[in-house]
Each structure stands twice: as C-alpha cells, then as structure tokens.
Amino acid sequence: MITDLTVGHPKNTLWRFVLPMFVSVMFQQLYNIADSSIAGRFAGEDALAAVGASYPITVIFMAFAVGSNLGASVVVSRLFGARDIGKMKSAVYTAFIACGVMSLILTALGYVYCGSMMRLIHTPSNIFGDGELYLKIYVFGLTFLFLYNVCTGIFTALGDSRTPLYFLIGSSIGNILLDYWFVAGFHWGVAGVAWATFIAQGISAGLALVTLALRLKGIKNSRKVVLFDLLLLSQIAAIAVPSIMQQSVLSVGNMFVQEIVNRYGSAVIAGYSGAIKLNTFAINAFMSLGGCLSSYTAQNLGAGKKERLSLGFKTGVRLSILATIPFFVLYFGFSRQMMGLFLGDGSEEAIRSGVGFLRIVSPMYFMISIKLMTDGIIRGSGAMAYFVLATVPDLILRIIVANILTGYFGSMGIWMAWPFGWIAATVLTVVFYRRIVTGKYCIRL
C-alpha cells in the first residue's frame, strides 16, 4: 500500500507507517539472535564466539547495503513527493544496476580478504577457522543482501511499510527453522548458521524484487523512463556514499572494539557476541523509526512542506521513547535471563560479561533513541555532512575510553566506553537538527 506522507497530521500517518516497519525490524533481529542462540546452544561457546568475532566484519558489508537503501529511499521519496513518476522509476532502475555491480565487487574482495580481516582483529586461534568459514559463506549472499535492502528502501519511499514486513516474517521464520535443521539436526556448526542465512536471504530478496516490479508497473507515468541515469546516480550517491562512510567508520570502530574484546579470550568474546546481538536488536528497532522520519522528511521537502518537519520530529521522539521502555526493562532487569538465550549454565564467565554490557548500555537507550530520530530528519533533508560528522566523536571516544578504562576495570571497561560516545553523538545531532529546522542549513533538493 502506497502512502502519501505529505498530508494529514504526522501523529496519525507516522503511527500507521511506523508500526509495520518496527515489526519488520523485530523479525529481522529475531533471526539474527536465533543464529547466535542456536550456535551457542547446539554448537558450543566457541561457535558463538566465532560468529561473534566475525560480526564486526559483516557489519562493514551491511553498511554498504544499508547506505544503498538510504540513497535510493531518499531520492525516490523526493521524486514521489514531487509526483515525477517517470524520473522516480529511472531512479529505481539506476539504483538496482549500481548496487548489483557494487555487490559483485564486494563479494570478490570479501572472499579473498576475509581471513586477513580476521587476523587484523587478532581473532583467537581456537575460533579463527570457524569465523573465516562463516565469512566466506556470508559474502556469497551479498547480492541478495543488496537487492533486499534496495527493495525495502524503495517500498518505504513509496510509503509502503507493510510489504517488507511480510517478506521479513517469512524470511525470519524460514531462517530459524533452517538454523535448527542445519546446526541441531545435521551438526554443520557455524557453516550451518551461514547457509541458513544465505538461503533465507536469497528467497526473500527474489520475492521482494518481483513484487516491487509488479508494484512499479501499476504506477502510470507519462515521462520517458531510462534504465540508467548518471545524474540520478549522482543524487543517490550523494546520500548513499556519506551513509556508507558513516556506517563504515562506525563498523571499523567496532572492529577496533572487537580487537580489544578479543584480548580477553573466547569466553568474553562469547558473552559480548550475545549481548551485542541484543543491543543491535534494540538499536535497529530505533533506527527503523528514524528511517520512517527520513522518508517523511524527503516526501515533505519534495512537496515543498518544510514546516511539517518539526511536527514529525516530535511525533518520532514520542514513538522512540515508547519503544525504548520494553528494551530497558528486559535488558537491565532480566539481563541474565536474556543471556540465557545464548549460553548454558556452564558458561558463567561469558554470561557475566554479557550481563555487564547490557546493564551499562541499556539505560542509555532513552538518549540514543532521540539521536536516531534526529538522524532521520538529517538524512531525509540531505544534510549528509552533518550525518557523517556526528559519528566521528562516537567512534573516537569509544575506542580511546575503552583502552583507558580496561587498564582499571578489565573487560568491563570496554562496556563503560559506550555511553561516552553516545552522549557526544547525541549532542551534535540535536545541534545539527536545530540548524536544519531553523533554516540555518541550506537544503538542496
């Protein structure tokens, strides 16, 4: 269902638009958690540590896919808001061609250098082989990852947040069943986790692509549609490249953090692996709300309705605070039970590490969720320099503070570094948001 976000009170339109996206992220993260949970429960603590040690590297590839999603989404949203349907379809085709080429290049590079990246972060020898095997299988699914993310971005740009939800529900359930079958049934270990993700992701990407093609065919246009437009590519890249840089910088920062974690052995790595999956679940849920604000902002700017931005932001903040409460209650009050999803009673050191991380980080969700709402407005308005700049202090502070505090608190000092980076990033994004809504930043459409 296509939704026009330029009319009606955002309290009503955003609620209806956000809910399917929020549920989509819940299911997406559910099967990410299932990967680690099944690995830890049925293949052992080292298997969980191997998947976790490779996670910061997979996030780098994800950064390219998500950046492509954002670039396509913002440009398509603006053109849809301006009712330039022919040019909008050209932007869709251009995004798919560019992202297809990029995914093939990254697949080749990832396969060749995955071992080198694992060595770069000093992965312990007892989990190195499994971690490298997981990455080699994972990179073969990058084309599916890109296709699905671009499809999702375009559906969102058209105001349709329900269709991606249906695909994610099917993909998530399929992935969990395949995980259990391959790991618990066939005893394939880490390879089974990777192949389950590959198959589920491939099916969902194919179905999403076919559905989007049919949806676009039903939207009539009078303007000629071209398959590849360099000008539109430059507009998509103007959003996608800074987004990729921002997320890649953050991912590289996470690799440095992973290297610090790896110094403490596979038990701490396993605990961190489970806790960071839970943390990612929460953060991605908040980011989905920010993604809705990006589409809302881009559509309204395309329609010349800048005055609606602050109203949308206030609604987004209320939604994010409501979303934060259950995560805080679960992660802070029931952190040991949450770590029990990944590890048995015999992994006391790993559980203790994960519990420490969750109890330090979860109270900060009330603040970081507001930061992610401002990110949505900033991305949708095209102020990508602001978007990238707000990431740098988070990265630098987290690494510096982690290195300092580990000298006093051991591995617990790593978790204590998170709030420092988040506070600095939140303050900056709020300042940048104020510049946009008060007209001190010149928005270029």
Protein backbone atom coordinates (compact mmCIF):
# COMPACT_ATOMS: atom_id res chain seq x y z
CA MET A 1 0.00 0.00 0.00
CA ILE A 2 1.46 3.36 -1.10
CA THR A 3 1.11 6.16 1.48
CA ASP A 4 1.36 9.91 0.95
CA LEU A 5 3.23 11.28 3.98
CA THR A 6 2.75 14.91 2.94
CA VAL A 7 -0.86 15.15 4.13
CA GLY A 8 -2.57 14.63 7.47
CA HIS A 9 -1.18 15.01 10.97
CA PRO A 10 2.06 13.02 11.40
CA LYS A 11 0.69 11.63 14.66
CA ASN A 12 -1.71 9.60 12.52
CA THR A 13 0.28 8.99 9.33
CA LEU A 14 3.57 8.12 11.08
CA TRP A 15 1.90 5.73 13.52
CA ARG A 16 0.38 3.73 10.67
CA PHE A 17 3.60 3.90 8.66
CA VAL A 18 5.95 3.08 11.55
CA LEU A 19 4.24 0.05 13.04
CA PRO A 20 4.87 -2.39 10.13
CA MET A 21 8.49 -1.18 9.84
CA PHE A 22 9.02 -1.62 13.56
CA VAL A 23 7.62 -5.15 13.47
CA SER A 24 9.81 -5.84 10.39
CA VAL A 25 12.94 -4.95 12.32
CA MET A 26 11.79 -7.08 15.25
CA PHE A 27 11.57 -10.12 12.98
CA GLN A 28 14.83 -9.30 11.21
CA GLN A 29 16.69 -9.10 14.51
CA LEU A 30 14.86 -12.16 15.80
CA TYR A 31 16.58 -14.37 13.28
CA ASN A 32 19.93 -12.63 13.89
CA ILE A 33 19.55 -13.55 17.55
CA ALA A 34 18.44 -17.05 16.56
CA ASP A 35 21.70 -17.50 14.60
CA SER A 36 23.76 -16.83 17.70
CA SER A 37 21.39 -18.60 20.09
CA ILE A 38 21.34 -21.85 18.10
CA ALA A 39 25.11 -21.65 17.54
CA GLY A 40 25.75 -21.20 21.26
CA ARG A 41 23.23 -23.78 22.43
CA PHE A 42 23.88 -26.57 19.92
CA ALA A 43 27.43 -25.97 18.61
CA GLY A 44 29.02 -24.62 21.79
CA GLU A 45 30.56 -21.50 23.28
CA ASP A 46 33.39 -21.40 20.71
CA ALA A 47 30.89 -21.46 17.81
CA LEU A 48 29.06 -18.49 19.33
CA ALA A 49 32.39 -16.71 19.77
CA ALA A 50 33.34 -17.43 16.12
CA VAL A 51 30.09 -15.96 14.78
CA GLY A 52 30.50 -13.01 17.13
CA ALA A 53 34.13 -12.37 16.19
CA SER A 54 33.16 -12.16 12.51
CA TYR A 55 30.19 -9.90 13.22
CA PRO A 56 32.03 -6.52 13.02
CA ILE A 57 33.32 -7.54 9.58
CA THR A 58 29.85 -8.50 8.31
CA VAL A 59 28.60 -5.12 9.55
CA ILE A 60 31.01 -3.41 7.12
CA PHE A 61 29.30 -5.17 4.22
CA MET A 62 25.93 -4.36 5.75
CA ALA A 63 26.96 -0.68 5.82
CA PHE A 64 27.18 -0.66 2.02
CA ALA A 65 23.77 -2.32 1.67
CA VAL A 66 22.07 -0.01 4.18
CA GLY A 67 23.72 3.06 2.63
CA SER A 68 22.36 1.99 -0.76
CA ASN A 69 18.94 1.56 0.84
CA LEU A 70 19.06 5.10 2.24
CA GLY A 71 20.31 6.66 -1.01
CA ALA A 72 17.59 5.06 -3.09
CA SER A 73 14.92 5.73 -0.47
CA VAL A 74 15.59 9.47 -0.09
CA VAL A 75 15.82 10.19 -3.83
CA VAL A 76 12.77 8.09 -4.70
CA SER A 77 10.83 9.72 -1.81
CA ARG A 78 11.55 13.21 -3.11
CA LEU A 79 10.56 12.35 -6.67
CA PHE A 80 7.41 10.60 -5.46
CA GLY A 81 6.56 13.62 -3.28
CA ALA A 82 7.04 15.85 -6.32
CA ARG A 83 4.87 13.44 -8.41
CA ASP A 84 7.63 12.99 -11.04
CA ILE A 85 6.83 9.30 -11.61
CA GLY A 86 8.90 8.76 -14.77
CA LYS A 87 12.04 10.11 -13.16
CA MET A 88 11.25 8.17 -10.00
CA LYS A 89 11.21 4.88 -11.94
CA SER A 90 14.51 5.81 -13.60
CA ALA A 91 15.99 6.32 -10.13
CA VAL A 92 14.80 2.85 -9.11
CA TYR A 93 16.43 1.14 -12.11
CA THR A 94 19.61 3.15 -11.70
CA ALA A 95 19.85 2.15 -8.02
CA PHE A 96 19.46 -1.55 -8.81
CA ILE A 97 22.11 -1.57 -11.54
CA ALA A 98 24.66 0.35 -9.46
CA CYS A 99 24.07 -1.77 -6.37
CA GLY A 100 24.24 -5.01 -8.34
CA VAL A 101 27.70 -4.11 -9.62
CA MET A 102 28.84 -3.00 -6.17
CA SER A 103 27.67 -6.24 -4.56
CA LEU A 104 29.67 -8.36 -7.02
CA ILE A 105 32.83 -6.36 -6.37
CA LEU A 106 32.41 -6.67 -2.61
CA THR A 107 31.75 -10.41 -2.92
CA ALA A 108 35.10 -10.92 -4.66
CA LEU A 109 37.01 -8.69 -2.23
CA GLY A 110 35.31 -10.20 0.80
CA TYR A 111 36.11 -13.77 -0.21
CA VAL A 112 39.78 -13.01 -0.85
CA TYR A 113 40.43 -10.89 2.24
CA CYS A 114 38.11 -12.31 4.95
CA GLY A 115 40.99 -14.23 6.55
CA SER A 116 43.18 -11.12 6.59
CA MET A 117 40.41 -9.14 8.30
CA MET A 118 40.03 -11.83 10.95
CA ARG A 119 43.78 -11.68 11.62
CA LEU A 120 43.66 -7.88 11.75
CA ILE A 121 41.43 -8.00 14.84
CA HIS A 122 43.58 -10.75 16.44
CA THR A 123 40.92 -13.43 16.44
CA PRO A 124 41.98 -16.24 18.82
CA SER A 125 43.26 -19.34 17.05
CA ASN A 126 40.64 -21.67 18.58
CA ILE A 127 37.81 -19.81 16.79
CA PHE A 128 39.67 -18.44 13.73
CA GLY A 129 38.82 -21.30 11.36
CA ASP A 130 35.09 -21.24 12.07
CA GLY A 131 34.99 -17.45 11.88
CA GLU A 132 36.69 -17.42 8.47
CA LEU A 133 34.39 -20.19 7.18
CA TYR A 134 31.31 -18.22 8.29
CA LEU A 135 32.54 -15.11 6.46
CA LYS A 136 33.32 -16.96 3.22
CA ILE A 137 29.77 -18.32 3.04
CA TYR A 138 28.29 -14.99 4.13
CA VAL A 139 29.90 -12.96 1.33
CA PHE A 140 28.33 -15.17 -1.36
CA GLY A 141 24.96 -13.82 -0.24
CA LEU A 142 25.89 -10.15 -0.58
CA THR A 143 23.97 -9.71 -3.84
CA PHE A 144 20.81 -10.93 -2.09
CA LEU A 145 21.55 -8.57 0.80
CA PHE A 146 21.85 -5.58 -1.55
CA LEU A 147 18.76 -6.47 -3.59
CA TYR A 148 16.61 -6.86 -0.50
CA ASN A 149 17.82 -3.62 1.09
CA VAL A 150 17.24 -1.56 -2.05
CA CYS A 151 13.76 -3.09 -2.47
CA THR A 152 12.95 -2.25 1.15
CA GLY A 153 14.21 1.31 0.71
CA ILE A 154 12.00 1.84 -2.34
CA PHE A 155 8.92 0.33 -0.69
CA THR A 156 9.49 2.69 2.24
CA ALA A 157 9.98 5.65 -0.08
CA LEU A 158 6.56 4.94 -1.57
CA GLY A 159 5.05 4.92 1.91
CA ASP A 160 4.61 1.14 1.93
CA SER A 161 5.99 -0.34 5.14
CA ARG A 162 3.77 -3.42 5.15
CA THR A 163 5.13 -5.34 2.15
CA PRO A 164 8.70 -5.59 3.56
CA LEU A 165 7.14 -6.83 6.81
CA TYR A 166 5.52 -9.82 5.11
CA PHE A 167 8.80 -10.82 3.48
CA LEU A 168 10.71 -10.45 6.73
CA ILE A 169 8.27 -12.58 8.69
CA GLY A 170 8.61 -15.38 6.14
CA SER A 171 12.38 -14.98 5.90
CA SER A 172 12.83 -14.90 9.68
CA ILE A 173 10.76 -18.00 10.32
CA GLY A 174 12.49 -19.82 7.46
CA ASN A 175 15.93 -18.81 8.71
CA ILE A 176 15.23 -20.03 12.25
CA LEU A 177 13.92 -23.38 11.00
CA LEU A 178 16.92 -23.81 8.69
CA ASP A 179 19.29 -22.83 11.52
CA TYR A 180 17.87 -25.51 13.75
CA TRP A 181 17.82 -28.09 10.97
CA PHE A 182 21.39 -27.47 9.83
CA VAL A 183 23.01 -26.97 13.25
CA ALA A 184 21.00 -29.13 15.67
CA GLY A 185 19.96 -31.74 13.07
CA PHE A 186 22.87 -32.05 10.63
CA HIS A 187 25.52 -30.78 13.08
CA TRP A 188 27.05 -28.45 10.49
CA GLY A 189 28.09 -25.99 13.20
CA VAL A 190 28.98 -22.47 12.12
CA ALA A 191 28.63 -23.39 8.43
CA GLY A 192 25.00 -24.35 9.05
CA VAL A 193 24.30 -20.91 10.55
CA ALA A 194 25.81 -19.21 7.49
CA TRP A 195 23.99 -21.37 4.92
CA ALA A 196 20.65 -20.85 6.67
CA THR A 197 21.07 -17.08 6.38
CA PHE A 198 22.17 -17.38 2.75
CA ILE A 199 19.11 -19.41 1.69
CA ALA A 200 16.53 -17.37 3.62
CA GLN A 201 18.00 -14.09 2.41
CA GLY A 202 18.04 -15.26 -1.20
CA ILE A 203 14.38 -16.27 -1.18
CA SER A 204 13.20 -13.02 0.44
CA ALA A 205 15.29 -10.92 -1.98
CA GLY A 206 13.83 -12.68 -5.02
CA LEU A 207 10.25 -12.31 -3.82
CA ALA A 208 10.75 -8.65 -2.90
CA LEU A 209 12.21 -7.88 -6.33
CA VAL A 210 9.30 -9.50 -8.20
CA THR A 211 6.71 -7.75 -6.00
CA LEU A 212 8.37 -4.36 -6.45
CA ALA A 213 8.48 -4.81 -10.24
CA LEU A 214 4.74 -5.51 -10.30
CA ARG A 215 4.06 -2.55 -7.99
CA LEU A 216 6.01 -0.14 -10.19
CA LYS A 217 4.30 -1.47 -13.31
CA GLY A 218 0.96 -0.47 -11.80
CA ILE A 219 2.03 3.18 -11.31
CA LYS A 220 1.31 5.05 -14.55
CA ASN A 221 3.68 7.70 -15.87
CA SER A 222 3.82 10.00 -18.90
CA ARG A 223 7.53 10.76 -18.82
CA LYS A 224 10.07 8.50 -20.53
CA VAL A 225 11.84 6.06 -18.22
CA VAL A 226 15.55 5.35 -18.71
CA LEU A 227 17.33 2.33 -17.27
CA PHE A 228 20.44 4.16 -16.10
CA ASP A 229 20.77 7.88 -15.44
CA LEU A 230 24.14 9.32 -14.36
CA LEU A 231 22.55 12.44 -12.86
CA LEU A 232 20.20 10.35 -10.72
CA LEU A 233 23.10 8.09 -9.79
CA SER A 234 24.99 11.14 -8.52
CA GLN A 235 21.96 12.17 -6.44
CA ILE A 236 21.65 8.67 -4.98
CA ALA A 237 25.39 8.59 -4.32
CA ALA A 238 25.22 11.98 -2.58
CA ILE A 239 23.07 10.30 0.09
CA ALA A 240 24.42 6.74 -0.10
CA VAL A 241 28.17 7.45 0.00
CA PRO A 242 28.12 9.57 3.20
CA SER A 243 25.78 7.00 4.74
CA ILE A 244 28.18 4.21 3.80
CA MET A 245 31.11 6.24 5.12
CA GLN A 246 29.31 6.95 8.37
CA GLN A 247 28.38 3.34 8.95
CA SER A 248 31.72 2.02 7.70
CA VAL A 249 33.60 4.32 10.07
CA LEU A 250 31.39 3.05 12.86
CA SER A 251 31.98 -0.54 11.72
CA VAL A 252 35.75 -0.03 11.63
CA GLY A 253 35.43 1.42 15.11
CA ASN A 254 33.58 -1.72 16.16
CA MET A 255 36.43 -3.78 14.70
CA PHE A 256 38.84 -1.90 16.98
CA VAL A 257 36.50 -2.57 19.89
CA GLN A 258 36.33 -6.25 18.86
CA GLU A 259 40.12 -6.36 18.87
CA ILE A 260 40.10 -5.12 22.47
CA VAL A 261 37.45 -7.71 23.36
CA ASN A 262 39.49 -10.47 21.68
CA ARG A 263 42.34 -9.85 24.14
CA TYR A 264 40.22 -11.38 26.90
CA GLY A 265 39.64 -14.79 25.30
CA SER A 266 36.76 -16.76 23.84
CA ALA A 267 34.54 -16.66 26.97
CA VAL A 268 34.40 -12.86 26.99
CA ILE A 269 34.02 -12.88 23.19
CA ALA A 270 31.05 -15.25 23.51
CA GLY A 271 29.41 -13.05 26.17
CA TYR A 272 29.95 -9.94 24.08
CA SER A 273 28.62 -11.74 20.98
CA GLY A 274 25.30 -12.49 22.65
CA ALA A 275 24.98 -9.08 24.30
CA ILE A 276 25.87 -7.13 21.14
CA LYS A 277 23.20 -9.04 19.21
CA LEU A 278 20.63 -7.99 21.80
CA ASN A 279 21.93 -4.42 21.69
CA THR A 280 21.75 -4.41 17.88
CA PHE A 281 18.15 -5.63 18.14
CA ALA A 282 17.26 -2.53 20.17
CA ILE A 283 19.29 -0.04 18.13
CA ASN A 284 17.92 -1.28 14.81
CA ALA A 285 14.39 -1.01 16.18
CA PHE A 286 15.03 2.65 17.00
CA MET A 287 16.72 3.15 13.61
CA SER A 288 13.59 1.88 11.86
CA LEU A 289 11.70 4.80 13.40
CA GLY A 290 14.45 7.14 12.16
CA GLY A 291 14.13 5.59 8.70
CA CYS A 292 10.43 6.46 8.70
CA LEU A 293 11.31 10.06 9.52
CA SER A 294 13.76 10.08 6.59
CA SER A 295 11.00 9.13 4.14
CA TYR A 296 8.60 11.55 5.84
CA THR A 297 11.15 14.37 5.60
CA ALA A 298 12.10 13.66 1.98
CA GLN A 299 8.48 13.43 0.79
CA ASN A 300 7.53 16.69 2.53
CA LEU A 301 10.57 18.55 1.23
CA GLY A 302 9.80 17.26 -2.26
CA ALA A 303 6.28 18.65 -1.86
CA GLY A 304 7.60 21.99 -0.51
CA LYS A 305 6.23 21.47 3.02
CA LYS A 306 9.27 22.09 5.21
CA GLU A 307 7.09 23.43 8.03
CA ARG A 308 5.92 19.84 8.76
CA LEU A 309 9.41 18.64 9.80
CA SER A 310 9.38 19.73 13.44
CA LEU A 311 5.91 18.25 13.94
CA GLY A 312 7.11 14.93 12.54
CA PHE A 313 10.20 15.01 14.74
CA LYS A 314 8.15 15.49 17.92
CA THR A 315 5.96 12.54 16.96
CA GLY A 316 9.04 10.44 16.23
CA VAL A 317 10.55 11.22 19.63
CA ARG A 318 7.37 10.14 21.41
CA LEU A 319 7.34 6.89 19.46
CA SER A 320 11.02 6.23 20.19
CA ILE A 321 10.61 6.72 23.94
CA LEU A 322 7.70 4.27 23.97
CA ALA A 323 9.83 1.76 22.03
CA THR A 324 12.73 2.19 24.47
CA ILE A 325 10.87 1.15 27.62
CA PRO A 326 10.48 -2.63 26.96
CA PHE A 327 14.12 -2.97 25.86
CA PHE A 328 15.33 -1.23 29.00
CA VAL A 329 13.17 -3.39 31.27
CA LEU A 330 14.30 -6.64 29.63
CA TYR A 331 17.99 -5.84 29.29
CA PHE A 332 18.51 -4.16 32.65
CA GLY A 333 16.08 -6.07 34.85
CA PHE A 334 16.35 -9.51 33.20
CA SER A 335 19.84 -9.37 31.68
CA ARG A 336 20.90 -12.79 32.97
CA GLN A 337 17.80 -14.43 31.53
CA MET A 338 18.41 -12.67 28.19
CA MET A 339 21.98 -14.03 28.09
CA GLY A 340 20.49 -17.45 28.82
CA LEU A 341 19.13 -17.37 25.27
CA PHE A 342 22.69 -17.92 24.04
CA LEU A 343 24.59 -19.71 26.78
CA GLY A 344 24.06 -22.52 29.28
CA ASP A 345 24.86 -22.52 32.99
CA GLY A 346 28.36 -23.84 32.32
CA SER A 347 29.39 -20.58 30.64
CA GLU A 348 29.41 -18.40 33.75
CA GLU A 349 32.23 -16.06 32.69
CA ALA A 350 30.62 -15.44 29.29
CA ILE A 351 27.21 -14.79 30.88
CA ARG A 352 28.75 -12.39 33.40
CA SER A 353 30.41 -10.41 30.60
CA GLY A 354 27.18 -10.10 28.64
CA VAL A 355 25.17 -9.09 31.71
CA GLY A 356 27.70 -6.34 32.46
CA PHE A 357 27.40 -4.95 28.94
CA LEU A 358 23.59 -4.90 28.96
CA ARG A 359 23.30 -3.23 32.36
CA ILE A 360 25.70 -0.45 31.39
CA VAL A 361 24.32 0.24 27.91
CA SER A 362 20.53 -0.21 28.27
CA PRO A 363 19.87 2.90 30.44
CA MET A 364 21.38 4.99 27.62
CA TYR A 365 18.69 3.84 25.16
CA PHE A 366 16.42 6.72 26.21
CA MET A 367 19.05 9.15 24.94
CA ILE A 368 20.39 7.34 21.86
CA SER A 369 16.84 6.82 20.53
CA ILE A 370 16.44 10.61 20.34
CA LYS A 371 19.75 10.82 18.45
CA LEU A 372 18.46 8.31 15.91
CA MET A 373 15.31 10.38 15.37
CA THR A 374 17.43 13.45 14.56
CA ASP A 375 19.45 11.25 12.18
CA GLY A 376 16.23 10.52 10.30
CA ILE A 377 15.49 14.21 9.74
CA ILE A 378 19.11 14.95 8.81
CA ARG A 379 19.26 12.12 6.24
CA GLY A 380 15.89 12.96 4.72
CA SER A 381 16.91 16.60 4.28
CA GLY A 382 20.14 15.62 2.51
CA ALA A 383 22.43 17.24 5.12
CA MET A 384 24.83 14.31 4.88
CA ALA A 385 27.88 16.25 6.09
CA TYR A 386 26.11 16.66 9.43
CA PHE A 387 25.20 12.97 9.43
CA VAL A 388 28.83 11.89 9.00
CA LEU A 389 30.27 14.46 11.43
CA ALA A 390 28.05 13.26 14.26
CA THR A 391 29.58 9.77 14.01
CA VAL A 392 33.24 10.72 14.44
CA PRO A 393 33.20 11.59 18.18
CA ASP A 394 31.28 8.40 18.97
CA LEU A 395 33.94 6.31 17.24
CA ILE A 396 36.96 8.12 18.67
CA LEU A 397 35.68 8.35 22.24
CA ARG A 398 34.56 4.73 22.37
CA ILE A 399 37.98 3.44 21.33
CA ILE A 400 40.03 5.84 23.47
CA VAL A 401 37.91 5.43 26.59
CA ALA A 402 37.80 1.63 26.17
CA ASN A 403 41.60 1.45 26.02
CA ILE A 404 41.92 3.65 29.11
CA LEU A 405 39.27 2.00 31.26
CA THR A 406 40.36 -1.58 30.57
CA GLY A 407 43.52 -0.77 32.49
CA TYR A 408 41.39 -0.21 35.61
CA PHE A 409 38.30 -2.39 35.12
CA GLY A 410 39.37 -5.15 32.73
CA SER A 411 36.83 -6.16 30.10
CA MET A 412 34.13 -4.20 31.98
CA GLY A 413 35.95 -1.02 30.92
CA ILE A 414 35.08 -1.78 27.28
CA TRP A 415 31.36 -1.69 28.02
CA MET A 416 31.76 1.51 30.06
CA ALA A 417 33.07 3.32 26.95
CA TRP A 418 29.72 3.13 25.11
CA PRO A 419 27.93 5.97 26.96
CA PHE A 420 30.78 8.43 26.32
CA GLY A 421 30.46 8.10 22.55
CA TRP A 422 26.68 8.12 22.56
CA ILE A 423 26.45 11.30 24.63
CA ALA A 424 28.78 13.23 22.30
CA ALA A 425 26.97 11.99 19.15
CA THR A 426 23.53 12.86 20.55
CA VAL A 427 24.51 16.41 21.48
CA LEU A 428 25.92 17.02 18.00
CA THR A 429 22.92 15.64 16.11
CA VAL A 430 20.48 17.75 18.15
CA VAL A 431 22.53 20.87 17.32
CA PHE A 432 22.56 19.94 13.63
CA TYR A 433 18.82 19.23 13.64
CA ARG A 434 18.16 22.70 15.10
CA ARG A 435 20.18 24.28 12.27
CA ILE A 436 18.03 22.47 9.69
CA VAL A 437 14.60 23.35 11.09
CA THR A 438 15.56 26.98 11.81
CA GLY A 439 16.79 27.49 8.24
CA LYS A 440 20.50 27.91 9.05
CA TYR A 441 21.32 24.97 6.76
CA CYS A 442 20.51 25.42 3.06
CA ILE A 443 18.62 22.34 1.89
CA ARG A 444 19.35 21.35 -1.69
CA LEU A 445 16.63 19.33 -3.40
